[in-house]
Protein backbone atom coordinates (compact mmCIF):
# COMPACT_ATOMS: atom_id res chain seq x y z
CA MET A 1 78.90 -15.92 25.11
CA GLU A 2 80.15 -13.50 27.37
CA VAL A 3 79.26 -10.27 25.12
CA ILE A 4 76.19 -11.89 25.18
CA LEU A 5 75.63 -11.90 28.95
CA PHE A 6 77.01 -8.53 29.09
CA ILE A 7 74.18 -7.15 26.70
CA VAL A 8 71.65 -8.89 28.47
CA VAL A 9 73.25 -7.60 32.05
CA VAL A 10 73.64 -4.14 30.08
CA VAL A 11 70.05 -4.54 29.00
CA ILE A 12 68.13 -5.09 32.40
CA ALA A 13 70.33 -2.68 34.00
CA PHE A 14 69.16 -0.09 31.49
CA TYR A 15 65.05 -0.83 32.30
CA ALA A 16 65.68 -1.20 35.69
CA TYR A 17 67.07 2.32 35.98
CA ARG A 18 64.06 3.60 34.12
CA ALA A 19 61.46 1.34 36.25
CA TYR A 20 63.58 3.02 39.62
CA MET A 21 63.27 6.63 38.26
CA ARG A 22 59.70 6.27 37.64
CA SER A 23 59.15 5.00 41.05
CA LYS A 24 60.95 7.52 42.92
CA PHE A 25 59.24 10.71 40.58
CA ALA A 26 56.02 8.73 41.68
CA GLY A 27 56.65 8.58 45.22
CA ALA A 28 58.02 12.62 45.17
CA PHE A 29 54.35 13.37 44.23
CA ASN A 30 52.40 10.67 45.65
CA ILE A 31 50.75 9.09 42.20
CA SER A 32 50.65 5.76 41.02
CA ALA A 33 53.75 4.47 39.22
CA VAL A 34 51.02 2.75 36.98
CA TRP A 35 50.56 6.22 34.95
CA LEU A 36 54.39 6.38 34.29
CA LYS A 37 54.55 2.61 32.59
CA ARG A 38 55.43 4.24 29.08
CA CYS A 39 56.62 7.16 29.98
CA ILE A 40 60.92 8.34 30.66
CA VAL A 41 61.48 10.09 33.43
CA GLY A 42 64.73 12.03 34.64
CA LYS A 43 66.02 14.41 36.80
CA ILE A 44 66.75 18.03 35.55
CA SER A 45 68.34 20.96 36.99
CA GLN A 46 65.89 23.53 36.98
CA ASN A 47 63.27 23.08 39.97
CA ASN A 48 60.22 24.81 39.29
CA PRO A 49 57.12 23.54 41.65
CA THR A 50 55.02 24.55 39.14
CA GLY A 51 54.41 22.03 36.08
CA PHE A 52 54.56 23.17 32.35
CA PHE A 53 53.89 20.58 29.96
CA GLN A 54 53.36 20.36 26.04
CA LEU A 55 51.72 17.48 23.84
CA ASN A 56 53.22 16.67 20.95
CA TYR A 57 51.61 14.28 18.19
CA PRO A 58 53.27 12.00 15.53
CA MET A 59 52.80 13.06 11.85
CA TRP A 60 53.19 11.20 8.24
CA GLU A 61 56.61 11.88 6.92
CA ALA A 62 54.34 12.13 3.55
CA SER A 63 51.80 13.98 4.62
CA ASN A 64 48.84 15.80 3.14
CA ASN A 65 47.78 19.77 4.39
CA ASP A 66 45.15 17.88 6.15
CA GLY A 67 47.88 15.82 8.20
CA THR A 68 46.95 12.65 6.74
CA ARG A 69 49.09 10.59 4.75
CA ASP A 70 49.71 11.47 1.13
CA LYS A 71 48.70 8.42 -1.13
CA ARG A 72 50.36 9.57 -3.99
CA THR A 73 53.59 8.25 -2.56
CA ASN A 74 54.41 4.48 -0.73
CA ASP A 75 56.01 6.65 2.36
CA THR A 76 54.43 4.86 5.25
CA ARG A 77 56.62 6.38 7.49
CA ILE A 78 55.73 8.17 11.14
CA ILE A 79 57.93 10.77 12.70
CA ASP A 80 57.02 10.02 16.54
CA ALA A 81 57.33 13.43 18.83
CA TRP A 82 57.82 13.66 22.03
CA SER A 83 55.51 15.02 24.70
CA GLU A 84 57.19 16.65 27.98
CA LEU A 85 56.28 17.78 31.18
CA THR A 86 58.89 19.55 33.84
CA ILE A 87 58.16 20.17 37.54
CA GLY A 88 60.11 20.28 40.85
CA GLY A 89 63.13 19.33 39.08
CA TRP A 90 61.85 16.21 37.04
CA ARG A 91 61.20 15.68 33.82
CA VAL A 92 58.96 13.26 32.00
CA ARG A 93 58.71 12.59 28.47
CA SER A 94 56.53 9.91 26.50
CA LYS A 95 55.74 9.34 22.42
CA SER A 96 51.96 9.18 23.46
CA PRO A 97 50.70 12.64 24.35
CA ILE A 98 47.14 10.73 25.92
CA GLU A 99 49.73 8.92 28.16
CA LEU A 100 51.23 11.79 29.42
CA TYR A 101 48.58 13.51 29.56
CA SER A 102 47.24 11.02 32.01
CA VAL A 103 50.27 11.79 34.30
CA VAL A 104 49.46 15.57 33.94
CA THR A 105 45.49 14.88 35.57
CA ALA A 106 47.11 12.89 38.14
CA LEU A 107 49.33 15.08 39.45
CA ARG A 108 46.42 17.77 39.37
CA ALA A 109 44.52 14.79 41.75
CA ALA A 110 47.31 14.59 43.91
CA GLY A 111 47.23 18.62 44.67
CA HIS A 112 50.01 19.53 42.53
CA ASP A 113 49.94 22.93 40.09
CA VAL A 114 50.64 22.52 36.27
CA ALA A 115 50.05 25.36 33.89
CA LEU A 116 47.13 25.29 31.47
CA ILE A 117 48.11 24.50 28.20
CA PRO A 118 45.86 26.50 25.36
CA ARG A 119 43.27 24.19 24.48
CA GLU A 120 42.87 23.69 28.12
CA GLN A 121 42.44 27.10 28.86
CA THR A 122 39.86 27.75 25.52
CA LYS A 123 37.87 24.88 27.48
CA MET A 124 38.72 26.84 30.51
CA THR A 125 36.84 30.13 29.45
CA GLY A 126 33.84 28.36 28.83
CA ALA A 127 33.99 26.22 32.22
CA SER A 128 34.12 29.53 34.21
CA VAL A 129 31.14 30.86 32.33
CA ILE A 130 29.11 27.73 33.51
CA TYR A 131 30.50 27.26 36.58
CA SER A 132 29.15 30.71 37.57
CA ALA A 133 25.80 30.13 36.18
CA ARG A 134 25.68 27.37 38.44
CA GLN A 135 25.79 29.48 41.41
CA ALA A 136 23.34 31.75 40.04
CA THR A 137 21.60 33.99 43.05
CA SER A 138 19.02 35.43 40.25
CA VAL A 139 17.75 34.87 37.14
CA MET A 140 19.78 38.10 35.74
CA ASP A 141 23.15 36.41 36.87
CA LEU A 142 21.78 33.52 33.99
CA VAL A 143 21.37 36.25 31.42
CA ARG A 144 24.52 37.85 32.08
CA ALA A 145 26.19 34.66 32.10
CA PHE A 146 24.62 33.60 28.29
CA PHE A 147 22.99 36.60 26.34
CA ASN A 148 24.32 36.63 22.85
CA GLN A 149 25.80 32.60 23.51
CA LYS A 150 23.21 30.28 22.14
CA ASP A 151 25.77 27.23 22.21
CA MET A 152 27.09 27.49 25.68
CA PHE A 153 23.05 28.40 27.30
CA ARG A 154 22.38 25.03 25.39
CA SER A 155 25.20 23.56 27.03
CA PHE A 156 24.09 24.65 30.25
CA CYS A 157 20.58 23.47 29.95
CA ILE A 158 22.09 20.06 28.83
CA GLU A 159 23.69 20.06 31.95
CA THR A 160 21.50 21.47 33.96
CA CYS A 161 18.52 18.39 32.97
CA ARG A 162 21.43 15.65 33.45
CA ALA A 163 21.85 17.24 36.79
CA ASN A 164 18.06 16.84 37.97
CA GLY A 165 18.00 12.95 37.02
CA TYR A 166 17.34 13.70 33.13
CA PHE A 167 18.81 11.08 30.58
CA VAL A 168 20.20 13.49 27.88
CA THR A 169 20.75 12.80 24.17
CA GLU A 170 21.78 16.00 21.68
CA SER A 171 20.74 16.69 18.63
CA SER A 172 21.49 18.77 15.76
CA LYS A 173 18.38 18.64 14.10
CA PRO A 174 16.26 21.87 13.45
CA GLY A 175 13.69 22.62 16.00
CA PHE A 176 15.25 21.50 19.48
CA ASP A 177 17.88 21.11 21.26
CA PHE A 178 18.22 18.09 22.80
CA TYR A 179 16.04 15.06 23.94
CA ALA A 180 15.57 14.50 27.46
CA GLU A 181 14.05 11.28 29.25
CA LEU A 182 13.04 10.91 32.85
CA GLY A 183 11.57 8.15 34.10
CA GLY A 184 10.95 6.42 30.88
CA VAL A 185 9.18 9.03 28.59
CA THR A 186 11.29 10.99 26.39
CA GLY A 187 10.73 14.37 25.42
CA LEU A 188 12.37 17.04 22.91
CA VAL A 189 13.81 20.29 24.77
CA ALA A 190 14.29 23.75 23.30
CA CYS A 191 15.96 26.51 25.14
CA SER A 192 16.62 30.09 24.58
CA CYS A 193 18.52 32.92 26.71
CA LEU A 194 16.39 35.95 26.74
CA ASN A 195 16.44 39.21 29.07
CA VAL A 196 14.01 38.82 32.44
CA SER A 197 11.78 40.93 30.59
CA SER A 198 11.42 39.34 27.33
CA ASN A 199 8.37 36.69 26.63
CA VAL A 200 9.38 33.50 24.26
CA GLY A 201 6.06 34.05 21.55
CA LEU A 202 4.09 31.46 19.74
CA PRO A 203 6.44 31.06 16.40
CA ALA A 204 9.46 29.64 18.90
CA ILE A 205 6.95 27.35 20.64
CA ARG A 206 4.98 26.52 17.30
CA GLN A 207 8.80 25.28 15.63
CA LEU A 208 9.27 23.10 18.73
CA SER A 209 5.97 21.22 17.67
CA ASP A 210 6.29 21.15 14.30
CA ALA A 211 9.56 19.42 14.75
CA ASN A 212 7.67 17.11 17.28
CA VAL A 213 5.63 15.88 13.97
CA LEU A 214 8.62 14.04 12.77
CA GLU A 215 10.01 12.92 15.96
CA GLY A 216 6.90 11.80 17.52
CA MET A 217 7.49 12.00 21.13
CA PRO A 218 5.27 11.75 24.36
CA GLU A 219 6.53 15.29 26.16
CA MET A 220 8.10 18.21 24.81
CA MET A 221 9.86 21.30 26.83
CA TYR A 222 10.90 24.85 26.26
CA ILE A 223 13.45 26.30 28.53
CA THR A 224 14.31 30.33 28.51
CA THR A 225 15.60 33.15 31.04
CA GLY A 226 12.26 34.80 30.18
CA GLY A 227 8.81 34.13 30.25
CA PHE A 228 6.22 33.49 27.61
CA SER A 229 3.46 35.45 25.72
CA SER A 230 -0.19 34.81 26.61
CA GLN A 231 -0.18 32.79 23.09
CA ALA A 232 2.32 30.45 23.81
CA ILE A 233 1.24 29.48 26.96
CA SER A 234 -2.35 28.92 25.44
CA PHE A 235 -0.94 27.10 22.66
CA ALA A 236 1.67 24.84 24.69
CA SER A 237 -1.28 23.79 26.79
CA ARG A 238 -2.96 22.32 24.17
CA GLU A 239 0.23 20.69 22.69
CA ASN A 240 1.34 19.57 26.22
CA ILE A 241 4.51 21.81 26.08
CA HIS A 242 6.08 22.16 29.10
CA LEU A 243 7.36 25.79 29.81
CA ILE A 244 10.40 26.75 31.78
CA ASP A 245 10.87 30.12 32.64
CA GLY A 246 13.57 31.78 34.26
CA SER A 247 12.61 31.62 37.60
CA GLN A 248 11.88 27.97 37.22
CA LEU A 249 15.06 27.33 35.72
CA LEU A 250 16.94 29.37 38.43
CA GLY A 251 14.71 26.53 40.80
CA MET A 252 16.38 23.61 38.75
CA VAL A 253 20.06 25.16 39.11
CA HIS A 254 19.82 25.35 43.03
CA ALA A 255 18.02 22.05 42.65
CA ALA A 256 21.13 20.69 41.29
CA TRP A 257 24.38 23.00 42.59
CA GLY A 258 22.75 24.82 46.03
CA SER A 259 21.55 27.81 45.81
CA SER A 260 24.51 30.01 47.44
CA ALA A 261 27.40 31.95 45.83
CA ALA A 262 30.71 30.48 44.99
CA ALA A 263 34.05 32.11 44.04
CA ALA A 264 34.39 31.24 39.94
CA SER A 265 38.32 31.63 40.09
CA ASN A 266 37.99 27.74 42.26
CA ILE A 267 37.07 25.86 39.25
CA PRO A 268 38.26 22.15 39.74
CA TYR A 269 40.54 21.04 36.85
CA THR A 270 38.01 18.59 36.23
CA GLU A 271 35.98 21.08 34.22
CA TYR A 272 38.99 21.98 32.01
CA THR A 273 40.34 18.71 31.85
CA LEU A 274 40.64 17.41 28.17
CA THR A 275 38.01 14.40 27.38
CA GLN A 276 39.48 11.36 25.60
CA GLN A 277 37.95 12.21 22.38
CA GLU A 278 39.52 15.81 22.78
CA LEU A 279 42.94 14.25 23.00
CA GLU A 280 42.72 12.27 20.30
CA ALA A 281 41.41 14.90 17.69
CA GLY A 282 45.37 16.32 18.01
CA TYR A 283 46.24 13.23 15.66
CA PRO A 284 45.80 13.25 11.96
CA SER A 285 42.23 11.61 10.98
CA ASP A 286 44.05 8.64 9.62
CA MET A 287 45.70 7.63 12.90
CA GLN A 288 43.26 8.54 14.81
CA ARG A 289 40.94 5.22 16.46
CA ARG A 290 37.84 4.58 14.96
């Protein structure tokens, strides 16, 4: 009986100590201890004020080349991996990369410097272009940001429409780039980044109209950093296609984010924060939540 009681006391003390360390860390960095509920927190000798972390994902003991379980065997064992963060003389570890990342975002929100991992750095590169474009003071600024970057310009147009009150649904169908709804009316939107002296021609506008033969939407819109040819303008007028040229697009940008330039280096951490979907993509596909 005394042995059992001793074991119980040790276990309680063990978990109490872990809770105490989580509370100490949360207090030291002014974050909620809720973010640390499944983490192991401890002190280390290094006292670097900048945080560094690594996300490590579990894997199957018997796996295929793509990381999924090799069903040719009966081996269903999973190898857990520790994700780890170090900052200011502390180390935080978790077997859940998603939960450790929650600690990272909480620290950043509290104003602490945590270095970017490669996946964030990649996202940061795209975010810096988008963020700079939000501060554009001329159409040429937009052209410089997105010329020969069709996908990034498409993303910027989606963001700009959303910031101007549109409800946007992305699409991979041919002939247009996304759906946009405003005031209960949904339309197709196509976009292209051109030089300020270049015009969108009739073929591109006709392609949008042809796509709508199948979609049957009451509105259509074409967005560009350039202009439109006379034939394109005439056709668009007959087909009820709204044409947004470079100056009008710049007006939408200013309506959404203002017209004064800002330093692109001051990008908020939320611009490169990994989404839940991006975090879950690190798991083997057969471990991801359906």
